[in-house]
Amino acid sequence: MLAGRLIRAAKDIVGEYSRFTISEKLKEALSLSTGRGQMNDQQYINHARQLRQWAQAVMEQTKIEMYPSDLLTFLKDSQYSEALPQRVATVVLQSFPDDKNRAILSPELSLYIQQVNNLQHELGALVTAGQKLNVDEVEIPPDAFSLDIIIPRSVFNDRANEFVEVLEKFIRIMSYLTEMTTGSREYPTVTYTSASVIVTGLALGYGAAWTFLKFYKLILEVVEKHLTIRKTIKDLRAASLDSKEANLEDQATELAEKGLSRAVEATVASIVVQVPEDRLNEIKIAIGKDGRFAIEAIARGTRVGITIESLNQLPKMSEAIADATAERISEIIKGQKSLEARLDQAFAALEGRSPALLTVSNASNNENDNSVPNKADAAS
C-alpha cells in the first residue's frame, strides 16, 4: 500500500474522531453507565436515546465506510478495527437500550475508551512522522474525480499482458463515458498504482465518474444474477437431474447478455448525451464489447471504488451534476458495497472457479479493439 495513502487514511480517522467528538461521547457514555443506578428510568432513557442518535449519525456519515474495498478490508483486519468510528458507534448504539439494567457495564466500556485513546495517539504520531519524512500524498487533478480499479492477482494470473488487458477495458469504458458526457474523447489520468493487489487510481471528469459509478452498480447486479444462476445449474448437475444442461447454459448466457445491454441503455438514458446519434450508437456497441470483459473481471474479484482522496470532493460532484445528490451518491455507494459482498459469497459458492461468462476470445478482442474509433480520430 502506498505510504501516502496510509497517511491520508490516518488523517481521515483522526479527523473523524474530532468531527464526531468520539472521545467526549464515550466519556458521556461511561458516565451514563456508571451513574444509571442513581437515575430514574426517564432520565436514563433520555440520555440513552441521545447517545443512540449520535451513534446512528456517525454510522451514516463516516466516510471511512466509503473507502475502496481493499483499504477498508486492510483497516478492518488491523488491530485498530475495534476503535474505528463505525465500530465505536455500533457499540454505543447496541449498549444503551431503554432498559437501564441491560446497559453496558462501565469496565467493558472503559476498554473501548482505552482502544480509542491508543488509536488516536498512534495514528496522530503516524501523521506527524509522515510529515517529517515528506511523504507525498496522492494528488488528484483539479476538477477531476478519481476512482480505484482494484484487480486481484487471481484475475490476471500474474501475467502482465492479462493485467493490461483487464485494466484497458475499464479505461476504455471510462473514455467512452467521458466522450458521451463532454463531447470530447479523453482517457482518464493515472494518479497512482500500488502492488500486491494491483490498485490503479484513474481520474476523470465529474460527469463521467458519476456515470461510471452508476454503470458499475448495474454491472454488479448483472454479475450477481448470473453467478446465482450458475450456482443453480451447478446444484442441478450435482443432483444428477436431467435438466437439459446445455440449454440452461445458453439461457444463462443470453440473460447476462440482455442484462449487459439493459445496463448500457439505462446508463445512456441517465445522462445528457453530448455526441451525435451515429457516434452514440458506436459507443454503445463498444461499451457492450468491453463490458463483457468487465463482467468476467468483476465476477472474479475486480472492484471499483471512489479513492479516499476524492471522498472530500463529493459535494463538488453534487454541485456539478444535477442528479448526483448526497442522498443518491450514498445510495449508489452503499448499494455497490452490498452487491460486492454478495458477489464474494456467490463466487465462493462456486468454489472459486470462474464461470464461463461473456468473455469473447482474445482473437476477437484484438480484432475489435479499434472497431469503433471516433470518426475524428480515424480521419487524423
Protein backbone atom coordinates (compact mmCIF):
# COMPACT_ATOMS: atom_id res chain seq x y z
CA MET A 1 0.00 0.00 0.00
CA LEU A 2 1.25 3.50 -0.80
CA ALA A 3 2.67 5.31 2.24
CA GLY A 4 0.89 8.49 1.19
CA ARG A 5 -2.46 6.72 1.08
CA LEU A 6 -1.86 5.22 4.54
CA ILE A 7 -1.06 8.67 5.91
CA ARG A 8 -4.24 10.02 4.32
CA ALA A 9 -6.31 7.26 5.93
CA ALA A 10 -4.74 8.02 9.31
CA LYS A 11 -5.62 11.70 8.86
CA ASP A 12 -9.20 10.79 7.99
CA ILE A 13 -9.64 8.60 11.08
CA VAL A 14 -8.10 11.17 13.43
CA GLY A 15 -10.22 13.84 11.75
CA GLU A 16 -13.41 11.85 12.30
CA TYR A 17 -12.54 11.40 15.96
CA SER A 18 -12.53 15.17 16.21
CA ARG A 19 -15.53 15.80 13.93
CA PHE A 20 -17.75 13.33 15.77
CA THR A 21 -16.28 14.17 19.21
CA ILE A 22 -15.86 10.44 19.78
CA SER A 23 -13.73 10.68 22.93
CA GLU A 24 -16.16 13.10 24.52
CA LYS A 25 -19.18 10.96 23.67
CA LEU A 26 -17.52 7.87 25.10
CA LYS A 27 -16.92 9.76 28.34
CA GLU A 28 -20.64 10.65 28.38
CA ALA A 29 -21.46 7.00 27.79
CA LEU A 30 -19.16 5.94 30.63
CA SER A 31 -20.79 8.48 32.95
CA LEU A 32 -24.23 7.17 31.98
CA SER A 33 -23.19 3.56 32.56
CA THR A 34 -21.65 4.40 35.92
CA GLY A 35 -24.45 6.65 37.19
CA ARG A 36 -27.56 4.92 35.85
CA GLY A 37 -28.29 3.43 39.26
CA GLN A 38 -28.88 6.92 40.66
CA MET A 39 -31.15 7.97 37.75
CA ASN A 40 -34.85 7.40 37.40
CA ASP A 41 -35.95 5.48 34.32
CA GLN A 42 -36.93 8.54 32.28
CA GLN A 43 -33.66 10.36 32.96
CA TYR A 44 -31.70 7.32 31.81
CA ILE A 45 -33.91 6.83 28.73
CA ASN A 46 -33.43 10.46 27.63
CA HIS A 47 -29.63 10.20 27.91
CA ALA A 48 -29.54 6.79 26.23
CA ARG A 49 -31.60 7.94 23.26
CA GLN A 50 -29.37 10.97 22.74
CA LEU A 51 -26.34 8.71 22.64
CA ARG A 52 -28.03 6.33 20.22
CA GLN A 53 -28.99 9.21 17.92
CA TRP A 54 -25.37 10.35 17.93
CA ALA A 55 -24.16 6.82 17.18
CA GLN A 56 -26.61 6.45 14.30
CA ALA A 57 -25.40 9.73 12.80
CA VAL A 58 -21.78 8.55 12.98
CA MET A 59 -22.65 5.29 11.24
CA GLU A 60 -24.46 7.15 8.46
CA GLN A 61 -21.88 9.89 7.97
CA THR A 62 -18.46 8.27 8.43
CA LYS A 63 -16.57 8.32 5.17
CA ILE A 64 -14.27 5.50 6.29
CA GLU A 65 -17.03 3.04 5.33
CA MET A 66 -16.99 4.52 1.82
CA TYR A 67 -13.34 3.58 1.30
CA PRO A 68 -12.48 1.25 -1.59
CA SER A 69 -12.78 -2.41 -0.62
CA ASP A 70 -9.04 -3.14 -0.40
CA LEU A 71 -8.31 -0.30 2.01
CA LEU A 72 -11.44 -0.90 4.08
CA THR A 73 -10.52 -4.58 4.44
CA PHE A 74 -6.97 -3.59 5.40
CA LEU A 75 -8.25 -1.36 8.21
CA LYS A 76 -10.85 -3.83 9.47
CA ASP A 77 -8.29 -6.63 9.56
CA SER A 78 -5.88 -4.49 11.59
CA GLN A 79 -5.57 -4.27 15.37
CA TYR A 80 -7.26 -0.87 15.15
CA SER A 81 -10.53 -2.30 13.86
CA GLU A 82 -12.35 -2.20 17.21
CA ALA A 83 -11.66 1.52 17.55
CA LEU A 84 -12.72 2.67 14.09
CA PRO A 85 -15.54 5.27 14.15
CA GLN A 86 -18.30 2.97 12.91
CA ARG A 87 -17.32 0.19 15.32
CA VAL A 88 -17.36 2.60 18.28
CA ALA A 89 -20.74 3.93 17.15
CA THR A 90 -22.10 0.38 16.81
CA VAL A 91 -21.04 -0.43 20.38
CA VAL A 92 -22.76 2.67 21.73
CA LEU A 93 -25.88 2.04 19.66
CA GLN A 94 -26.22 -1.52 20.94
CA SER A 95 -25.11 -0.91 24.53
CA PHE A 96 -27.71 1.54 25.77
CA PRO A 97 -31.23 0.13 25.31
CA ASP A 98 -34.13 1.83 27.08
CA ASP A 99 -33.89 -0.76 29.85
CA LYS A 100 -31.06 0.59 32.00
CA ASN A 101 -30.50 -2.81 33.58
CA ARG A 102 -29.31 -4.09 30.20
CA ALA A 103 -26.83 -1.26 29.55
CA ILE A 104 -23.14 -1.98 29.05
CA LEU A 105 -21.02 -2.24 32.19
CA SER A 106 -18.54 0.56 32.79
CA PRO A 107 -15.42 -1.71 32.90
CA GLU A 108 -16.23 -3.04 29.41
CA LEU A 109 -16.82 0.46 28.09
CA SER A 110 -13.52 1.57 29.63
CA LEU A 111 -11.73 -0.96 27.40
CA TYR A 112 -13.15 0.71 24.29
CA ILE A 113 -12.13 4.12 25.62
CA GLN A 114 -8.57 2.84 26.05
CA GLN A 115 -8.54 1.47 22.50
CA VAL A 116 -9.78 4.79 21.14
CA ASN A 117 -7.12 6.70 23.09
CA ASN A 118 -4.40 4.37 21.78
CA LEU A 119 -5.56 4.68 18.19
CA GLN A 120 -5.84 8.44 18.36
CA HIS A 121 -2.33 8.74 19.83
CA GLU A 122 -0.64 6.26 17.49
CA LEU A 123 -2.27 7.43 14.28
CA GLY A 124 -1.54 11.03 15.25
CA ALA A 125 2.12 10.04 15.59
CA LEU A 126 1.97 8.33 12.18
CA VAL A 127 0.66 11.50 10.56
CA THR A 128 3.41 13.54 12.21
CA ALA A 129 6.07 11.06 11.09
CA GLY A 130 4.74 11.17 7.53
CA GLN A 131 5.01 14.95 7.51
CA LYS A 132 8.58 14.85 8.82
CA LEU A 133 9.53 12.24 6.23
CA ASN A 134 7.97 14.38 3.48
CA VAL A 135 5.70 11.55 2.40
CA ASP A 136 3.78 12.74 -0.64
CA GLU A 137 0.03 12.21 -0.67
CA VAL A 138 -1.77 11.31 -3.88
CA GLU A 139 -2.81 14.40 -5.80
CA ILE A 140 -5.93 14.47 -7.98
CA PRO A 141 -6.02 16.87 -10.95
CA PRO A 142 -8.23 19.94 -10.39
CA ASP A 143 -11.88 19.47 -11.37
CA ALA A 144 -11.37 15.70 -11.67
CA PHE A 145 -12.67 12.77 -9.68
CA SER A 146 -10.63 9.65 -9.03
CA LEU A 147 -11.75 6.02 -8.96
CA ASP A 148 -9.78 2.98 -7.79
CA ILE A 149 -9.67 -0.04 -10.07
CA ILE A 150 -8.78 -2.94 -7.77
CA ILE A 151 -7.60 -6.05 -9.65
CA PRO A 152 -6.64 -9.12 -7.60
CA ARG A 153 -3.75 -11.14 -8.97
CA SER A 154 -6.05 -14.14 -9.38
CA VAL A 155 -7.86 -12.22 -12.13
CA PHE A 156 -4.77 -11.96 -14.36
CA ASN A 157 -2.72 -14.90 -13.03
CA ASP A 158 0.37 -12.69 -12.56
CA ARG A 159 0.63 -12.30 -16.33
CA ALA A 160 1.39 -8.73 -17.34
CA ASN A 161 -0.46 -8.97 -20.65
CA GLU A 162 -3.64 -10.19 -18.95
CA PHE A 163 -3.41 -7.41 -16.35
CA VAL A 164 -3.04 -4.79 -19.07
CA GLU A 165 -5.98 -6.31 -20.96
CA VAL A 166 -8.31 -6.16 -17.94
CA LEU A 167 -7.28 -2.62 -16.99
CA GLU A 168 -7.61 -1.47 -20.60
CA LYS A 169 -11.27 -2.48 -20.72
CA PHE A 170 -12.16 -0.32 -17.74
CA ILE A 171 -10.08 2.59 -19.08
CA ARG A 172 -11.85 2.42 -22.44
CA ILE A 173 -15.30 2.31 -20.87
CA MET A 174 -14.36 5.42 -18.87
CA SER A 175 -13.13 7.16 -22.02
CA TYR A 176 -16.39 6.36 -23.85
CA LEU A 177 -18.43 7.73 -20.94
CA THR A 178 -16.25 10.84 -20.92
CA GLU A 179 -16.97 11.33 -24.61
CA MET A 180 -20.71 10.90 -24.12
CA THR A 181 -20.85 13.36 -21.22
CA THR A 182 -18.48 16.01 -22.62
CA GLY A 183 -18.49 15.51 -26.40
CA SER A 184 -14.72 15.03 -26.36
CA ARG A 185 -12.95 11.67 -26.13
CA GLU A 186 -10.29 11.76 -23.41
CA TYR A 187 -8.64 8.98 -21.47
CA PRO A 188 -8.54 9.15 -17.67
CA THR A 189 -5.39 10.34 -15.89
CA VAL A 190 -3.35 7.81 -13.90
CA THR A 191 -2.95 9.17 -10.38
CA TYR A 192 -1.04 6.23 -8.83
CA THR A 193 -0.56 2.47 -8.81
CA SER A 194 0.24 0.08 -5.96
CA ALA A 195 1.42 -3.51 -5.78
CA SER A 196 0.25 -6.78 -4.18
CA VAL A 197 -3.42 -6.48 -5.11
CA ILE A 198 -2.97 -4.14 -8.06
CA VAL A 199 -4.78 -0.87 -7.43
CA THR A 200 -4.78 1.87 -10.07
CA GLY A 201 -6.21 5.32 -9.48
CA LEU A 202 -7.80 6.88 -12.55
CA ALA A 203 -9.04 10.47 -12.60
CA LEU A 204 -11.78 11.70 -14.93
CA GLY A 205 -14.38 14.44 -15.01
CA TYR A 206 -17.26 14.59 -12.55
CA GLY A 207 -19.90 13.70 -15.12
CA ALA A 208 -18.03 10.70 -16.49
CA ALA A 209 -17.07 9.49 -13.00
CA TRP A 210 -20.68 9.68 -11.76
CA THR A 211 -21.92 7.91 -14.89
CA PHE A 212 -19.31 5.17 -14.46
CA LEU A 213 -20.35 4.61 -10.83
CA LYS A 214 -23.95 4.13 -11.93
CA PHE A 215 -22.89 1.79 -14.73
CA TYR A 216 -20.68 -0.19 -12.37
CA LYS A 217 -23.58 -0.76 -9.98
CA LEU A 218 -25.76 -2.00 -12.84
CA ILE A 219 -22.99 -4.40 -13.94
CA LEU A 220 -22.67 -5.69 -10.36
CA GLU A 221 -26.37 -6.55 -10.48
CA VAL A 222 -25.90 -8.42 -13.75
CA VAL A 223 -22.94 -10.39 -12.36
CA GLU A 224 -24.76 -11.25 -9.12
CA LYS A 225 -27.77 -12.60 -11.01
CA HIS A 226 -25.55 -14.54 -13.39
CA LEU A 227 -23.48 -16.16 -10.60
CA THR A 228 -26.69 -17.13 -8.82
CA ILE A 229 -27.94 -18.84 -11.98
CA ARG A 230 -24.60 -20.62 -12.41
CA LYS A 231 -24.80 -21.85 -8.82
CA THR A 232 -28.29 -23.21 -9.50
CA ILE A 233 -27.05 -25.04 -12.60
CA LYS A 234 -24.17 -26.46 -10.56
CA ASP A 235 -26.59 -27.74 -7.92
CA LEU A 236 -28.77 -29.35 -10.58
CA ARG A 237 -25.76 -31.13 -12.01
CA ALA A 238 -24.72 -32.30 -8.56
CA ALA A 239 -28.19 -33.78 -8.11
CA SER A 240 -27.80 -35.63 -11.43
CA LEU A 241 -31.07 -34.24 -12.70
CA ASP A 242 -31.99 -34.33 -16.37
CA SER A 243 -32.12 -30.58 -16.78
CA LYS A 244 -31.02 -30.11 -20.37
CA GLU A 245 -27.82 -28.60 -19.11
CA ALA A 246 -26.62 -27.17 -22.42
CA ASN A 247 -29.89 -25.32 -22.84
CA LEU A 248 -29.61 -23.90 -19.33
CA GLU A 249 -26.09 -22.68 -20.04
CA ASP A 250 -27.28 -21.00 -23.21
CA GLN A 251 -30.17 -19.35 -21.40
CA ALA A 252 -27.88 -18.12 -18.62
CA THR A 253 -25.54 -16.52 -21.15
CA GLU A 254 -28.48 -14.98 -23.00
CA LEU A 255 -29.81 -13.47 -19.76
CA ALA A 256 -26.42 -11.97 -18.98
CA GLU A 257 -26.17 -10.52 -22.49
CA LYS A 258 -29.59 -8.92 -22.09
CA GLY A 259 -28.64 -7.64 -18.64
CA LEU A 260 -25.50 -6.01 -20.05
CA SER A 261 -27.48 -4.41 -22.87
CA ARG A 262 -30.03 -3.04 -20.39
CA ALA A 263 -27.22 -1.66 -18.23
CA VAL A 264 -25.73 0.18 -21.20
CA GLU A 265 -29.11 1.59 -22.26
CA ALA A 266 -30.00 2.65 -18.71
CA THR A 267 -26.64 4.38 -18.31
CA VAL A 268 -27.04 6.29 -21.57
CA ALA A 269 -30.62 7.25 -20.65
CA SER A 270 -29.41 8.75 -17.36
CA ILE A 271 -27.19 11.43 -18.94
CA VAL A 272 -27.42 14.34 -21.36
CA VAL A 273 -25.53 12.90 -24.33
CA GLN A 274 -23.07 15.28 -25.98
CA VAL A 275 -22.32 13.29 -29.16
CA PRO A 276 -24.28 12.78 -32.41
CA GLU A 277 -26.66 9.84 -32.71
CA ASP A 278 -24.44 7.80 -35.02
CA ARG A 279 -21.45 8.19 -32.68
CA LEU A 280 -23.64 7.33 -29.72
CA ASN A 281 -24.61 4.02 -31.34
CA GLU A 282 -20.93 3.25 -31.97
CA ILE A 283 -20.09 3.99 -28.35
CA LYS A 284 -22.88 1.79 -27.02
CA ILE A 285 -21.62 -1.12 -29.12
CA ALA A 286 -18.07 -0.51 -27.85
CA ILE A 287 -19.12 -0.38 -24.21
CA GLY A 288 -21.08 -3.59 -24.70
CA LYS A 289 -17.97 -5.34 -26.05
CA ASP A 290 -15.67 -4.11 -23.30
CA GLY A 291 -18.43 -4.73 -20.78
CA ARG A 292 -18.17 -8.47 -21.43
CA PHE A 293 -14.59 -8.43 -20.16
CA ALA A 294 -15.56 -6.18 -17.26
CA ILE A 295 -18.23 -8.68 -16.21
CA GLU A 296 -15.70 -11.52 -16.20
CA ALA A 297 -13.18 -9.47 -14.20
CA ILE A 298 -15.80 -8.33 -11.68
CA ALA A 299 -17.06 -11.88 -11.20
CA ARG A 300 -13.50 -12.90 -10.27
CA GLY A 301 -12.94 -10.07 -7.79
CA THR A 302 -12.13 -6.84 -9.63
CA ARG A 303 -13.70 -3.90 -7.83
CA VAL A 304 -14.14 -0.17 -8.38
CA GLY A 305 -14.35 2.40 -5.61
CA ILE A 306 -14.06 6.13 -5.03
CA THR A 307 -10.50 6.92 -3.99
CA ILE A 308 -10.11 8.27 -0.47
CA GLU A 309 -8.64 11.44 -1.97
CA SER A 310 -11.89 12.12 -3.85
CA LEU A 311 -14.31 11.48 -1.00
CA ASN A 312 -13.93 15.11 0.05
CA GLN A 313 -14.91 16.12 -3.50
CA LEU A 314 -18.38 14.57 -3.31
CA PRO A 315 -20.00 17.97 -2.55
CA LYS A 316 -18.36 19.37 -5.72
CA MET A 317 -19.76 16.47 -7.70
CA SER A 318 -23.20 17.24 -6.31
CA GLU A 319 -22.82 20.86 -7.43
CA ALA A 320 -21.64 19.88 -10.90
CA ILE A 321 -24.11 17.06 -11.63
CA ALA A 322 -27.84 17.60 -11.13
CA ASP A 323 -28.80 14.06 -10.11
CA ALA A 324 -25.68 13.40 -8.02
CA THR A 325 -27.28 14.48 -4.76
CA ALA A 326 -25.67 13.49 -1.47
CA GLU A 327 -28.50 11.03 -0.87
CA ARG A 328 -28.17 9.49 -4.34
CA ILE A 329 -24.38 9.17 -4.05
CA SER A 330 -24.74 7.48 -0.66
CA GLU A 331 -27.38 5.14 -2.07
CA ILE A 332 -25.16 4.15 -5.01
CA ILE A 333 -22.08 3.52 -2.84
CA LYS A 334 -23.95 1.51 -0.22
CA GLY A 335 -25.66 -0.50 -2.95
CA GLN A 336 -22.31 -1.24 -4.59
CA LYS A 337 -20.74 -2.46 -1.36
CA SER A 338 -23.72 -4.67 -0.60
CA LEU A 339 -23.60 -6.18 -4.08
CA GLU A 340 -19.83 -6.71 -3.87
CA ALA A 341 -20.25 -8.63 -0.62
CA ARG A 342 -22.91 -10.83 -2.20
CA LEU A 343 -20.68 -11.43 -5.23
CA ASP A 344 -17.89 -12.62 -2.97
CA GLN A 345 -20.28 -15.10 -1.37
CA ALA A 346 -21.64 -16.25 -4.72
CA PHE A 347 -18.16 -16.75 -6.16
CA ALA A 348 -17.11 -18.71 -3.07
CA ALA A 349 -20.19 -20.92 -3.52
CA LEU A 350 -18.82 -21.80 -6.95
CA GLU A 351 -15.65 -22.94 -5.16
CA GLY A 352 -13.60 -20.07 -6.54
CA ARG A 353 -13.85 -21.28 -10.13
CA SER A 354 -14.61 -18.61 -12.65
CA PRO A 355 -17.81 -19.45 -14.52
CA ALA A 356 -17.88 -19.03 -18.26
CA LEU A 357 -19.48 -15.62 -18.52
CA LEU A 358 -19.45 -13.41 -21.59
CA THR A 359 -15.76 -13.03 -22.31
CA VAL A 360 -15.03 -13.09 -26.01
CA SER A 361 -11.86 -14.72 -27.28
CA ASN A 362 -8.58 -12.83 -27.35
CA ALA A 363 -8.58 -13.10 -31.12
CA SER A 364 -11.95 -11.44 -31.47
CA ASN A 365 -10.99 -8.87 -28.86
CA ASN A 366 -7.87 -7.83 -30.74
CA GLU A 367 -9.83 -7.72 -33.93
CA ASN A 368 -12.42 -5.39 -32.40
CA ASP A 369 -10.09 -3.14 -30.40
CA ASN A 370 -10.33 -0.40 -33.00
CA SER A 371 -13.68 -1.31 -34.48
CA VAL A 372 -15.44 1.76 -33.15
CA PRO A 373 -12.94 4.63 -33.23
CA ASN A 374 -14.02 8.22 -33.01
CA LYS A 375 -14.52 9.31 -36.61
CA ALA A 376 -12.38 12.36 -35.95
CA ASP A 377 -9.60 10.09 -34.69
CA ALA A 378 -9.88 7.90 -37.78
CA ALA A 379 -9.57 10.93 -40.05
CA SER A 380 -6.46 12.24 -38.35
